[in-house]
Amino acid sequence: MNMPKFKLAALCSATLLLAACGYFSKDDLDVTYTEDFTLTLPTIDSAKLCPSGQDCSGQSVTADMDRELTPIELDVEVDIIEKTGRSELADYTGKFKSINISKIEYSIKDNTLTVDLPQTDVYLAPAGVKSSDDASAILMATIPETPAKTTVDSKLATLNVESEAQLSDLIQSLQVSAIAQAQPVVKTGQPFPPSGKATLSMTIYVTFVANPADALIQN
């Protein structure tokens, strides 16, 4: 629904009056936006995974034991209105009746990493937050381990259903930070130090339910 606010206000007033007479429910004004948007995280670069105190400038050798690398923690700022192209969503900022993430698809492109990309936890947090350790960061989904040099065209991440309500509250602002966190490990028999890069992208599918009457009454 996209109309001038004065017409919307008149429609809402009429519907609320009819609702009072028992003809309609205010819920009849509900509008639903089913949207998806894609996030591409900064490149995962093996050059940034060298453990503290290790010299990773030499030639790779076969690891004789598992070796933990520097944790991966990547963040990207997300303007949902810009990503979806739905400017009318701004009218309901903080006033949506419900917000639900139905699925998340992920892809891993240009993967030349000689180390497995480990299970990756994906968090949402308020805009400006850059660490998954921040108390405001909420686990949204988990991406399973991907073997070294393996490309993924499109697979489903596992949603964290326990955080649905918290994520709904967070997305109300339409401005969030997405953070990916993982602990890479060079496994026995793999080259150390590792080499290569990879790009992780996610497409998030979200349903927004809003009521124009709520927006106008609260304004």
N, C-alpha and C. Protein backbone atom coordinates (compact mmCIF):
# COMPACT_ATOMS: atom_id res chain seq x y z
N MET A 1 0.85 -1.18 0.00
CA MET A 1 0.00 0.00 0.00
C MET A 1 0.89 1.22 0.00
N ASN A 2 0.64 2.13 -0.93
CA ASN A 2 1.47 3.32 -1.04
C ASN A 2 0.59 4.46 -1.51
N MET A 3 0.17 5.36 -0.59
CA MET A 3 -0.71 6.46 -0.95
C MET A 3 -0.37 7.65 -0.09
N PRO A 4 -0.81 8.87 -0.51
CA PRO A 4 -0.54 10.06 0.31
C PRO A 4 -1.06 9.87 1.72
N LYS A 5 -0.34 10.46 2.68
CA LYS A 5 -0.68 10.22 4.07
C LYS A 5 -2.06 10.74 4.44
N PHE A 6 -2.52 11.85 3.80
CA PHE A 6 -3.83 12.37 4.16
C PHE A 6 -4.93 11.41 3.72
N LYS A 7 -4.74 10.73 2.58
CA LYS A 7 -5.71 9.73 2.14
C LYS A 7 -5.66 8.51 3.06
N LEU A 8 -4.44 8.14 3.45
CA LEU A 8 -4.30 7.00 4.34
C LEU A 8 -4.95 7.29 5.68
N ALA A 9 -4.79 8.52 6.17
CA ALA A 9 -5.40 8.90 7.45
C ALA A 9 -6.92 8.84 7.36
N ALA A 10 -7.46 9.31 6.24
CA ALA A 10 -8.91 9.26 6.06
C ALA A 10 -9.41 7.83 6.02
N LEU A 11 -8.68 6.95 5.31
CA LEU A 11 -9.05 5.55 5.23
C LEU A 11 -9.01 4.90 6.61
N CYS A 12 -7.94 5.21 7.36
CA CYS A 12 -7.82 4.64 8.70
C CYS A 12 -8.96 5.10 9.60
N SER A 13 -9.29 6.39 9.53
CA SER A 13 -10.36 6.92 10.37
C SER A 13 -11.69 6.26 10.05
N ALA A 14 -11.94 6.08 8.75
CA ALA A 14 -13.19 5.45 8.34
C ALA A 14 -13.26 4.00 8.80
N THR A 15 -12.14 3.30 8.67
CA THR A 15 -12.10 1.89 9.07
C THR A 15 -12.28 1.74 10.58
N LEU A 16 -11.64 2.62 11.34
CA LEU A 16 -11.77 2.56 12.80
C LEU A 16 -13.20 2.85 13.23
N LEU A 17 -13.87 3.79 12.51
CA LEU A 17 -15.25 4.09 12.82
C LEU A 17 -16.15 2.89 12.54
N LEU A 18 -15.92 2.25 11.39
CA LEU A 18 -16.70 1.06 11.05
C LEU A 18 -16.41 -0.09 12.01
N ALA A 19 -15.15 -0.17 12.45
CA ALA A 19 -14.78 -1.21 13.41
C ALA A 19 -15.56 -1.02 14.71
N ALA A 20 -15.71 0.26 15.10
CA ALA A 20 -16.44 0.55 16.33
C ALA A 20 -17.90 0.12 16.22
N CYS A 21 -18.41 0.12 14.99
CA CYS A 21 -19.79 -0.31 14.75
C CYS A 21 -19.90 -1.81 14.50
N GLY A 22 -18.78 -2.49 14.51
CA GLY A 22 -18.79 -3.94 14.37
C GLY A 22 -18.69 -4.45 12.96
N TYR A 23 -18.45 -3.55 11.99
CA TYR A 23 -18.39 -3.99 10.60
C TYR A 23 -17.01 -4.51 10.21
N PHE A 24 -15.97 -3.90 10.71
CA PHE A 24 -14.62 -4.28 10.35
C PHE A 24 -13.75 -4.32 11.61
N SER A 25 -12.64 -5.00 11.47
CA SER A 25 -11.61 -4.95 12.50
C SER A 25 -10.48 -4.05 12.02
N LYS A 26 -9.83 -3.38 12.96
CA LYS A 26 -8.67 -2.56 12.58
C LYS A 26 -7.62 -3.39 11.86
N ASP A 27 -7.58 -4.69 12.17
CA ASP A 27 -6.60 -5.58 11.54
C ASP A 27 -6.82 -5.70 10.04
N ASP A 28 -8.00 -5.31 9.57
CA ASP A 28 -8.25 -5.35 8.13
C ASP A 28 -7.35 -4.40 7.36
N LEU A 29 -6.75 -3.45 8.07
CA LEU A 29 -5.84 -2.50 7.43
C LEU A 29 -4.40 -3.04 7.32
N ASP A 30 -4.14 -4.19 7.92
CA ASP A 30 -2.77 -4.72 7.91
C ASP A 30 -2.21 -4.80 6.49
N VAL A 31 -0.96 -4.41 6.37
CA VAL A 31 -0.25 -4.56 5.09
C VAL A 31 0.98 -5.44 5.34
N THR A 32 1.30 -6.27 4.35
CA THR A 32 2.42 -7.21 4.47
C THR A 32 3.43 -6.93 3.36
N TYR A 33 4.69 -6.84 3.75
CA TYR A 33 5.79 -6.68 2.80
C TYR A 33 6.69 -7.91 2.91
N THR A 34 6.79 -8.65 1.84
CA THR A 34 7.69 -9.80 1.81
C THR A 34 8.91 -9.41 0.99
N GLU A 35 10.05 -9.27 1.65
CA GLU A 35 11.24 -8.72 1.03
C GLU A 35 12.43 -9.66 1.19
N ASP A 36 13.43 -9.46 0.35
CA ASP A 36 14.72 -10.12 0.53
C ASP A 36 15.82 -9.16 0.14
N PHE A 37 16.95 -9.31 0.78
CA PHE A 37 18.10 -8.46 0.45
C PHE A 37 19.38 -9.24 0.68
N THR A 38 20.40 -8.88 -0.09
CA THR A 38 21.66 -9.62 -0.07
C THR A 38 22.76 -8.80 0.60
N LEU A 39 23.53 -9.47 1.45
CA LEU A 39 24.68 -8.86 2.12
C LEU A 39 25.94 -9.58 1.67
N THR A 40 26.95 -8.83 1.31
CA THR A 40 28.25 -9.41 1.00
C THR A 40 29.24 -8.93 2.04
N LEU A 41 29.80 -9.85 2.78
CA LEU A 41 30.73 -9.51 3.85
C LEU A 41 32.11 -9.23 3.29
N PRO A 42 32.95 -8.52 4.05
CA PRO A 42 34.33 -8.30 3.60
C PRO A 42 35.02 -9.62 3.30
N THR A 43 35.97 -9.59 2.37
CA THR A 43 36.67 -10.80 1.94
C THR A 43 37.37 -11.50 3.11
N ILE A 44 37.21 -12.81 3.17
CA ILE A 44 37.96 -13.62 4.14
C ILE A 44 39.34 -13.86 3.55
N ASP A 45 40.36 -13.31 4.18
CA ASP A 45 41.72 -13.31 3.63
C ASP A 45 42.65 -14.06 4.58
N SER A 46 43.28 -15.11 4.07
CA SER A 46 44.17 -15.92 4.90
C SER A 46 45.31 -15.10 5.49
N ALA A 47 45.68 -14.01 4.82
CA ALA A 47 46.79 -13.17 5.32
C ALA A 47 46.46 -12.55 6.67
N LYS A 48 45.16 -12.47 7.00
CA LYS A 48 44.75 -11.87 8.27
C LYS A 48 44.47 -12.93 9.34
N LEU A 49 44.74 -14.19 9.01
CA LEU A 49 44.44 -15.27 9.95
C LEU A 49 45.66 -15.80 10.69
N CYS A 50 46.81 -15.21 10.44
CA CYS A 50 48.04 -15.69 11.08
C CYS A 50 47.94 -15.55 12.60
N PRO A 51 48.20 -16.61 13.36
CA PRO A 51 48.10 -16.53 14.82
C PRO A 51 49.13 -15.57 15.40
N SER A 52 48.78 -14.97 16.50
CA SER A 52 49.69 -14.05 17.18
C SER A 52 50.99 -14.77 17.55
N GLY A 53 52.11 -14.13 17.27
CA GLY A 53 53.41 -14.70 17.61
C GLY A 53 53.97 -15.66 16.58
N GLN A 54 53.23 -15.90 15.50
CA GLN A 54 53.69 -16.82 14.45
C GLN A 54 54.21 -16.01 13.25
N ASP A 55 55.21 -16.53 12.57
CA ASP A 55 55.70 -15.95 11.33
C ASP A 55 55.06 -16.70 10.17
N CYS A 56 54.20 -16.02 9.44
CA CYS A 56 53.47 -16.66 8.35
C CYS A 56 53.99 -16.23 6.98
N SER A 57 55.19 -15.68 6.96
CA SER A 57 55.73 -15.16 5.70
C SER A 57 56.49 -16.23 4.92
N GLY A 58 56.80 -17.34 5.55
CA GLY A 58 57.59 -18.38 4.88
C GLY A 58 56.74 -19.30 4.02
N GLN A 59 57.40 -20.27 3.41
CA GLN A 59 56.72 -21.24 2.56
C GLN A 59 55.87 -22.17 3.41
N SER A 60 54.71 -22.55 2.89
CA SER A 60 53.82 -23.44 3.64
C SER A 60 54.44 -24.82 3.80
N VAL A 61 54.17 -25.44 4.95
CA VAL A 61 54.56 -26.83 5.20
C VAL A 61 53.32 -27.58 5.64
N THR A 62 53.38 -28.88 5.60
CA THR A 62 52.23 -29.70 6.02
C THR A 62 52.14 -29.69 7.54
N ALA A 63 51.00 -29.30 8.06
CA ALA A 63 50.81 -29.23 9.51
C ALA A 63 50.84 -30.63 10.13
N ASP A 64 51.63 -30.79 11.20
CA ASP A 64 51.71 -32.09 11.87
C ASP A 64 50.74 -32.18 13.04
N MET A 65 49.97 -31.10 13.26
CA MET A 65 48.95 -31.06 14.31
C MET A 65 47.96 -29.96 13.96
N ASP A 66 46.79 -30.00 14.60
CA ASP A 66 45.81 -28.94 14.38
C ASP A 66 46.35 -27.63 14.95
N ARG A 67 46.15 -26.53 14.19
CA ARG A 67 46.63 -25.22 14.64
C ARG A 67 45.50 -24.20 14.51
N GLU A 68 45.11 -23.60 15.62
CA GLU A 68 44.09 -22.56 15.58
C GLU A 68 44.67 -21.29 14.96
N LEU A 69 43.85 -20.64 14.16
CA LEU A 69 44.22 -19.38 13.55
C LEU A 69 43.52 -18.23 14.26
N THR A 70 43.81 -17.03 13.85
CA THR A 70 43.11 -15.87 14.40
C THR A 70 41.63 -15.96 14.05
N PRO A 71 40.74 -15.75 15.00
CA PRO A 71 39.30 -15.85 14.70
C PRO A 71 38.88 -14.90 13.57
N ILE A 72 37.91 -15.36 12.81
CA ILE A 72 37.30 -14.52 11.77
C ILE A 72 36.16 -13.73 12.41
N GLU A 73 36.16 -12.43 12.21
CA GLU A 73 35.04 -11.60 12.66
C GLU A 73 34.88 -10.47 11.66
N LEU A 74 33.82 -10.55 10.88
CA LEU A 74 33.56 -9.61 9.80
C LEU A 74 32.21 -8.94 10.03
N ASP A 75 32.13 -7.65 9.76
CA ASP A 75 30.86 -6.96 9.95
C ASP A 75 30.54 -6.08 8.76
N VAL A 76 29.24 -5.84 8.57
CA VAL A 76 28.78 -4.95 7.52
C VAL A 76 27.53 -4.23 8.01
N GLU A 77 27.46 -2.93 7.72
CA GLU A 77 26.29 -2.13 8.10
C GLU A 77 25.16 -2.37 7.10
N VAL A 78 23.92 -2.45 7.60
CA VAL A 78 22.78 -2.78 6.75
C VAL A 78 21.68 -1.73 6.90
N ASP A 79 21.40 -1.02 5.82
CA ASP A 79 20.26 -0.11 5.75
C ASP A 79 19.17 -0.87 4.99
N ILE A 80 18.17 -1.37 5.71
CA ILE A 80 17.18 -2.27 5.10
C ILE A 80 16.34 -1.55 4.05
N ILE A 81 16.03 -0.29 4.27
CA ILE A 81 15.27 0.45 3.26
C ILE A 81 16.06 0.55 1.97
N GLU A 82 17.33 0.86 2.08
CA GLU A 82 18.18 0.96 0.89
C GLU A 82 18.32 -0.40 0.21
N LYS A 83 18.49 -1.45 1.01
CA LYS A 83 18.70 -2.78 0.44
C LYS A 83 17.46 -3.32 -0.27
N THR A 84 16.27 -3.04 0.29
CA THR A 84 15.04 -3.55 -0.30
C THR A 84 14.46 -2.62 -1.36
N GLY A 85 14.81 -1.35 -1.30
CA GLY A 85 14.21 -0.38 -2.22
C GLY A 85 12.79 0.00 -1.84
N ARG A 86 12.36 -0.36 -0.63
CA ARG A 86 11.00 -0.09 -0.15
C ARG A 86 11.00 1.13 0.75
N SER A 87 10.90 2.31 0.17
CA SER A 87 10.97 3.54 0.96
C SER A 87 9.82 3.66 1.95
N GLU A 88 8.64 3.05 1.62
CA GLU A 88 7.48 3.16 2.50
C GLU A 88 7.68 2.44 3.83
N LEU A 89 8.67 1.55 3.92
CA LEU A 89 8.94 0.90 5.19
C LEU A 89 9.31 1.92 6.27
N ALA A 90 9.87 3.04 5.84
CA ALA A 90 10.30 4.07 6.80
C ALA A 90 9.12 4.61 7.60
N ASP A 91 7.89 4.57 7.02
CA ASP A 91 6.71 5.06 7.74
C ASP A 91 6.41 4.25 8.98
N TYR A 92 6.93 3.02 9.05
CA TYR A 92 6.61 2.12 10.15
C TYR A 92 7.81 1.83 11.07
N THR A 93 8.86 2.62 10.93
CA THR A 93 10.04 2.38 11.76
C THR A 93 9.66 2.32 13.24
N GLY A 94 9.97 1.20 13.88
CA GLY A 94 9.66 1.03 15.29
C GLY A 94 8.21 0.68 15.58
N LYS A 95 7.39 0.52 14.51
CA LYS A 95 5.95 0.34 14.72
C LYS A 95 5.39 -0.89 14.00
N PHE A 96 6.24 -1.75 13.49
CA PHE A 96 5.75 -2.96 12.81
C PHE A 96 5.03 -3.87 13.79
N LYS A 97 3.95 -4.49 13.34
CA LYS A 97 3.24 -5.47 14.18
C LYS A 97 4.08 -6.72 14.36
N SER A 98 4.77 -7.13 13.30
CA SER A 98 5.64 -8.30 13.39
C SER A 98 6.68 -8.25 12.28
N ILE A 99 7.81 -8.87 12.56
CA ILE A 99 8.89 -9.02 11.57
C ILE A 99 9.40 -10.44 11.71
N ASN A 100 9.45 -11.16 10.61
CA ASN A 100 9.84 -12.56 10.68
C ASN A 100 10.85 -12.89 9.57
N ILE A 101 11.99 -13.46 9.96
CA ILE A 101 12.96 -13.96 8.99
C ILE A 101 12.56 -15.38 8.63
N SER A 102 12.21 -15.61 7.38
CA SER A 102 11.72 -16.93 6.98
C SER A 102 12.85 -17.87 6.58
N LYS A 103 13.91 -17.34 5.97
CA LYS A 103 15.05 -18.17 5.60
C LYS A 103 16.24 -17.29 5.26
N ILE A 104 17.41 -17.90 5.29
CA ILE A 104 18.64 -17.22 4.87
C ILE A 104 19.40 -18.17 3.95
N GLU A 105 19.66 -17.73 2.75
CA GLU A 105 20.49 -18.47 1.81
C GLU A 105 21.89 -17.88 1.82
N TYR A 106 22.89 -18.74 1.72
CA TYR A 106 24.26 -18.24 1.69
C TYR A 106 25.01 -18.81 0.49
N SER A 107 26.04 -18.09 0.08
CA SER A 107 26.91 -18.57 -1.00
C SER A 107 28.35 -18.24 -0.62
N ILE A 108 29.27 -19.07 -1.09
CA ILE A 108 30.70 -18.84 -0.88
C ILE A 108 31.36 -18.87 -2.25
N LYS A 109 31.89 -17.73 -2.67
CA LYS A 109 32.44 -17.57 -4.02
C LYS A 109 33.95 -17.38 -3.97
N ASP A 110 34.56 -17.67 -5.13
CA ASP A 110 36.00 -17.41 -5.32
C ASP A 110 36.82 -17.97 -4.15
N ASN A 111 36.49 -19.18 -3.75
CA ASN A 111 37.12 -19.78 -2.57
C ASN A 111 38.43 -20.47 -2.96
N THR A 112 39.54 -19.81 -2.65
CA THR A 112 40.87 -20.39 -2.86
C THR A 112 41.55 -20.72 -1.54
N LEU A 113 40.81 -20.65 -0.43
CA LEU A 113 41.39 -20.92 0.88
C LEU A 113 41.88 -22.37 0.98
N THR A 114 43.07 -22.54 1.51
CA THR A 114 43.61 -23.89 1.71
C THR A 114 43.23 -24.45 3.07
N VAL A 115 42.45 -23.69 3.83
CA VAL A 115 41.93 -24.13 5.13
C VAL A 115 40.42 -24.20 5.02
N ASP A 116 39.80 -25.15 5.74
CA ASP A 116 38.35 -25.23 5.73
C ASP A 116 37.76 -23.95 6.33
N LEU A 117 36.67 -23.48 5.73
CA LEU A 117 35.93 -22.37 6.33
C LEU A 117 35.05 -22.97 7.41
N PRO A 118 35.31 -22.65 8.68
CA PRO A 118 34.62 -23.36 9.77
C PRO A 118 33.16 -22.95 9.90
N GLN A 119 32.45 -23.66 10.76
CA GLN A 119 31.09 -23.25 11.09
C GLN A 119 31.11 -21.77 11.46
N THR A 120 30.19 -21.03 10.88
CA THR A 120 30.18 -19.58 11.06
C THR A 120 28.86 -19.14 11.67
N ASP A 121 28.93 -18.42 12.78
CA ASP A 121 27.75 -17.86 13.41
C ASP A 121 27.53 -16.45 12.89
N VAL A 122 26.29 -16.15 12.54
CA VAL A 122 25.94 -14.84 12.00
C VAL A 122 25.03 -14.13 12.99
N TYR A 123 25.43 -12.94 13.39
CA TYR A 123 24.70 -12.15 14.37
C TYR A 123 24.13 -10.90 13.74
N LEU A 124 23.04 -10.38 14.33
CA LEU A 124 22.57 -9.03 14.05
C LEU A 124 22.75 -8.22 15.33
N ALA A 125 23.07 -6.94 15.14
CA ALA A 125 23.27 -6.05 16.27
C ALA A 125 22.84 -4.65 15.84
N PRO A 126 22.68 -3.74 16.80
CA PRO A 126 22.37 -2.36 16.42
C PRO A 126 23.45 -1.79 15.51
N ALA A 127 23.08 -0.86 14.67
CA ALA A 127 24.04 -0.22 13.76
C ALA A 127 25.23 0.32 14.55
N GLY A 128 26.42 0.09 14.03
CA GLY A 128 27.64 0.57 14.67
C GLY A 128 28.36 -0.48 15.49
N VAL A 129 27.67 -1.56 15.87
CA VAL A 129 28.30 -2.63 16.64
C VAL A 129 29.15 -3.49 15.70
N LYS A 130 30.37 -3.80 16.10
CA LYS A 130 31.29 -4.52 15.22
C LYS A 130 31.77 -5.85 15.78
N SER A 131 31.33 -6.21 16.97
CA SER A 131 31.79 -7.45 17.59
C SER A 131 30.62 -8.32 18.03
N SER A 132 30.75 -9.62 17.80
CA SER A 132 29.72 -10.55 18.25
C SER A 132 29.72 -10.70 19.77
N ASP A 133 30.78 -10.24 20.42
CA ASP A 133 30.85 -10.30 21.88
C ASP A 133 30.03 -9.20 22.55
N ASP A 134 29.59 -8.22 21.77
CA ASP A 134 28.78 -7.14 22.33
C ASP A 134 27.47 -7.71 22.87
N ALA A 135 27.05 -7.24 24.02
CA ALA A 135 25.85 -7.77 24.66
C ALA A 135 24.60 -7.59 23.81
N SER A 136 24.62 -6.64 22.89
CA SER A 136 23.44 -6.37 22.07
C SER A 136 23.39 -7.24 20.82
N ALA A 137 24.45 -8.00 20.54
CA ALA A 137 24.50 -8.85 19.35
C ALA A 137 23.64 -10.10 19.58
N ILE A 138 22.81 -10.44 18.59
CA ILE A 138 21.88 -11.56 18.71
C ILE A 138 22.19 -12.58 17.61
N LEU A 139 22.36 -13.83 18.01
CA LEU A 139 22.63 -14.89 17.03
C LEU A 139 21.42 -15.07 16.12
N MET A 140 21.66 -14.92 14.81
CA MET A 140 20.58 -15.03 13.82
C MET A 140 20.58 -16.38 13.12
N ALA A 141 21.76 -16.88 12.76
CA ALA A 141 21.83 -18.12 11.98
C ALA A 141 23.23 -18.70 12.06
N THR A 142 23.34 -19.96 11.64
CA THR A 142 24.63 -20.65 11.61
C THR A 142 24.84 -21.26 10.23
N ILE A 143 26.05 -21.06 9.70
CA ILE A 143 26.44 -21.62 8.40
C ILE A 143 27.39 -22.78 8.68
N PRO A 144 27.14 -23.96 8.11
CA PRO A 144 27.99 -25.11 8.40
C PRO A 144 29.38 -24.98 7.78
N GLU A 145 30.28 -25.85 8.22
CA GLU A 145 31.65 -25.85 7.71
C GLU A 145 31.67 -26.11 6.21
N THR A 146 32.59 -25.43 5.53
CA THR A 146 32.77 -25.61 4.09
C THR A 146 34.21 -26.04 3.84
N PRO A 147 34.43 -27.16 3.16
CA PRO A 147 35.80 -27.63 2.91
C PRO A 147 36.62 -26.62 2.11
N ALA A 148 37.93 -26.70 2.28
CA ALA A 148 38.86 -25.81 1.57
C ALA A 148 38.58 -25.84 0.06
N LYS A 149 38.68 -24.68 -0.55
CA LYS A 149 38.56 -24.48 -2.00
C LYS A 149 37.21 -24.94 -2.57
N THR A 150 36.20 -24.99 -1.72
CA THR A 150 34.87 -25.41 -2.17
C THR A 150 33.98 -24.19 -2.39
N THR A 151 33.31 -24.16 -3.53
CA THR A 151 32.36 -23.09 -3.84
C THR A 151 30.95 -23.54 -3.48
N VAL A 152 30.19 -22.63 -2.91
CA VAL A 152 28.78 -22.90 -2.58
C VAL A 152 27.93 -21.89 -3.34
N ASP A 153 27.05 -22.39 -4.20
CA ASP A 153 26.21 -21.49 -4.99
C ASP A 153 25.02 -20.97 -4.19
N SER A 154 24.33 -21.84 -3.51
CA SER A 154 23.19 -21.41 -2.71
C SER A 154 22.74 -22.55 -1.80
N LYS A 155 22.88 -22.33 -0.50
CA LYS A 155 22.42 -23.29 0.50
C LYS A 155 21.74 -22.53 1.62
N LEU A 156 20.97 -23.26 2.43
CA LEU A 156 20.25 -22.64 3.53
C LEU A 156 21.07 -22.67 4.81
N ALA A 157 21.16 -21.53 5.47
CA ALA A 157 21.74 -21.46 6.80
C ALA A 157 20.69 -21.95 7.80
N THR A 158 21.13 -22.35 8.98
CA THR A 158 20.22 -22.80 10.03
C THR A 158 19.83 -21.60 10.89
N LEU A 159 18.53 -21.28 10.90
CA LEU A 159 18.05 -20.14 11.67
C LEU A 159 18.05 -20.45 13.16
N ASN A 160 18.33 -19.44 13.96
CA ASN A 160 18.25 -19.58 15.41
C ASN A 160 16.84 -19.19 15.84
N VAL A 161 15.95 -20.17 15.91
CA VAL A 161 14.53 -19.89 16.18
C VAL A 161 14.31 -19.31 17.58
N GLU A 162 15.24 -19.57 18.48
CA GLU A 162 15.08 -19.09 19.85
C GLU A 162 15.18 -17.58 19.96
N SER A 163 15.75 -16.94 18.95
CA SER A 163 15.96 -15.49 19.02
C SER A 163 14.99 -14.72 18.14
N GLU A 164 13.90 -15.36 17.68
CA GLU A 164 12.96 -14.71 16.77
C GLU A 164 12.44 -13.38 17.31
N ALA A 165 11.99 -13.37 18.56
CA ALA A 165 11.40 -12.16 19.14
C ALA A 165 12.44 -11.05 19.26
N GLN A 166 13.64 -11.39 19.69
CA GLN A 166 14.70 -10.39 19.84
C GLN A 166 15.10 -9.81 18.49
N LEU A 167 15.19 -10.67 17.48
CA LEU A 167 15.55 -10.19 16.14
C LEU A 167 14.46 -9.28 15.59
N SER A 168 13.20 -9.63 15.83
CA SER A 168 12.09 -8.79 15.38
C SER A 168 12.19 -7.40 15.98
N ASP A 169 12.47 -7.34 17.28
CA ASP A 169 12.62 -6.04 17.95
C ASP A 169 13.80 -5.25 17.38
N LEU A 170 14.88 -5.94 17.10
CA LEU A 170 16.08 -5.28 16.60
C LEU A 170 15.86 -4.70 15.20
N ILE A 171 15.20 -5.47 14.34
CA ILE A 171 15.01 -5.04 12.95
C ILE A 171 14.00 -3.90 12.85
N GLN A 172 13.23 -3.65 13.91
CA GLN A 172 12.29 -2.54 13.91
C GLN A 172 12.95 -1.23 13.49
N SER A 173 14.21 -1.06 13.81
CA SER A 173 14.91 0.19 13.50
C SER A 173 15.27 0.32 12.02
N LEU A 174 15.26 -0.79 11.31
CA LEU A 174 15.63 -0.85 9.88
C LEU A 174 17.08 -0.47 9.62
N GLN A 175 17.86 -0.35 10.68
CA GLN A 175 19.30 -0.07 10.57
C GLN A 175 20.02 -1.03 11.51
N VAL A 176 20.77 -1.98 10.96
CA VAL A 176 21.44 -2.98 11.79
C VAL A 176 22.86 -3.24 11.29
N SER A 177 23.58 -3.98 12.10
CA SER A 177 24.91 -4.46 11.72
C SER A 177 24.86 -5.98 11.67
N ALA A 178 25.39 -6.57 10.60
CA ALA A 178 25.50 -8.03 10.49
C ALA A 178 26.95 -8.42 10.75
N ILE A 179 27.14 -9.42 11.61
CA ILE A 179 28.49 -9.82 12.03
C ILE A 179 28.64 -11.33 11.85
N ALA A 180 29.69 -11.74 11.19
CA ALA A 180 30.00 -13.17 11.02
C ALA A 180 31.21 -13.51 11.88
N GLN A 181 31.11 -14.59 12.66
CA GLN A 181 32.18 -14.98 13.57
C GLN A 181 32.47 -16.47 13.41
N ALA A 182 33.75 -16.80 13.35
CA ALA A 182 34.15 -18.21 13.19
C ALA A 182 35.57 -18.40 13.72
N GLN A 183 35.88 -19.64 14.11
CA GLN A 183 37.22 -20.00 14.57
C GLN A 183 37.86 -20.96 13.57
N PRO A 184 38.72 -20.45 12.67
CA PRO A 184 39.36 -21.33 11.69
C PRO A 184 40.49 -22.14 12.32
N VAL A 185 40.67 -23.35 11.81
CA VAL A 185 41.72 -24.25 12.29
C VAL A 185 42.39 -24.92 11.09
N VAL A 186 43.72 -24.82 11.03
CA VAL A 186 44.46 -25.63 10.05
C VAL A 186 44.53 -27.03 10.62
N LYS A 187 43.97 -27.99 9.90
CA LYS A 187 43.92 -29.36 10.39
C LYS A 187 45.18 -30.12 10.00
N THR A 188 45.47 -31.14 10.75
CA THR A 188 46.62 -31.98 10.46
C THR A 188 46.61 -32.42 8.99
N GLY A 189 47.71 -32.18 8.31
CA GLY A 189 47.81 -32.56 6.90
C GLY A 189 47.52 -31.42 5.94
N GLN A 190 46.97 -30.31 6.45
CA GLN A 190 46.74 -29.15 5.60
C GLN A 190 47.95 -28.22 5.64
N PRO A 191 48.11 -27.35 4.62
CA PRO A 191 49.28 -26.46 4.60
C PRO A 191 49.18 -25.36 5.66
N PHE A 192 50.31 -25.13 6.33
CA PHE A 192 50.43 -24.03 7.30
C PHE A 192 51.69 -23.24 6.98
N PRO A 193 51.58 -21.90 6.90
CA PRO A 193 50.35 -21.12 7.04
C PRO A 193 49.44 -21.30 5.83
N PRO A 194 48.14 -21.04 6.02
CA PRO A 194 47.20 -21.20 4.91
C PRO A 194 47.35 -20.07 3.90
N SER A 195 46.75 -20.25 2.76
CA SER A 195 46.73 -19.20 1.75
C SER A 195 45.33 -19.12 1.14
N GLY A 196 45.10 -18.07 0.36
CA GLY A 196 43.83 -17.94 -0.35
C GLY A 196 42.84 -16.98 0.27
N LYS A 197 41.73 -16.82 -0.43
CA LYS A 197 40.67 -15.91 0.00
C LYS A 197 39.31 -16.55 -0.33
N ALA A 198 38.25 -15.94 0.21
CA ALA A 198 36.88 -16.38 -0.10
C ALA A 198 35.93 -15.24 0.20
N THR A 199 34.77 -15.27 -0.46
CA THR A 199 33.75 -14.24 -0.25
C THR A 199 32.45 -14.91 0.18
N LEU A 200 31.92 -14.45 1.32
CA LEU A 200 30.67 -14.98 1.87
C LEU A 200 29.55 -13.97 1.66
N SER A 201 28.47 -14.42 1.04
CA SER A 201 27.28 -13.59 0.85
C SER A 201 26.06 -14.29 1.43
N MET A 202 25.09 -13.48 1.86
CA MET A 202 23.85 -14.03 2.41
C MET A 202 22.66 -13.26 1.84
N THR A 203 21.60 -13.98 1.53
CA THR A 203 20.34 -13.36 1.15
C THR A 203 19.32 -13.67 2.24
N ILE A 204 18.81 -12.61 2.85
CA ILE A 204 17.90 -12.73 3.99
C ILE A 204 16.47 -12.45 3.52
N TYR A 205 15.56 -13.37 3.82
CA TYR A 205 14.16 -13.24 3.43
C TYR A 205 13.35 -12.85 4.67
N VAL A 206 12.67 -11.70 4.58
CA VAL A 206 11.98 -11.15 5.74
C VAL A 206 10.56 -10.76 5.38
N THR A 207 9.62 -11.04 6.28
CA THR A 207 8.25 -10.59 6.12
C THR A 207 7.93 -9.54 7.19
N PHE A 208 7.49 -8.37 6.74
CA PHE A 208 7.10 -7.28 7.63
C PHE A 208 5.58 -7.15 7.59
N VAL A 209 4.96 -7.08 8.76
CA VAL A 209 3.52 -6.81 8.85
C VAL A 209 3.35 -5.51 9.61
N ALA A 210 2.60 -4.59 9.02
CA ALA A 210 2.39 -3.27 9.63
C ALA A 210 0.94 -2.87 9.51
N ASN A 211 0.52 -1.92 10.33
CA ASN A 211 -0.83 -1.40 10.26
C ASN A 211 -0.76 0.13 10.20
N PRO A 212 -1.23 0.72 9.10
CA PRO A 212 -1.17 2.19 8.97
C PRO A 212 -1.84 2.93 10.12
N ALA A 213 -2.91 2.35 10.67
CA ALA A 213 -3.59 3.00 11.78
C ALA A 213 -2.66 3.12 12.98
N ASP A 214 -1.90 2.09 13.27
CA ASP A 214 -0.95 2.14 14.39
C ASP A 214 0.07 3.24 14.17
N ALA A 215 0.58 3.33 12.94
CA ALA A 215 1.58 4.34 12.63
C ALA A 215 1.03 5.74 12.83
N LEU A 216 -0.21 6.00 12.38
CA LEU A 216 -0.79 7.32 12.47
C LEU A 216 -1.15 7.67 13.91
N ILE A 217 -1.69 6.67 14.65
CA ILE A 217 -2.08 6.94 16.04
C ILE A 217 -0.86 7.27 16.87
N GLN A 218 0.27 6.56 16.65
CA GLN A 218 1.46 6.79 17.45
C GLN A 218 2.17 8.06 17.03
N ASN A 219 1.89 8.55 15.83
CA ASN A 219 2.47 9.82 15.41
C ASN A 219 1.68 10.99 15.95
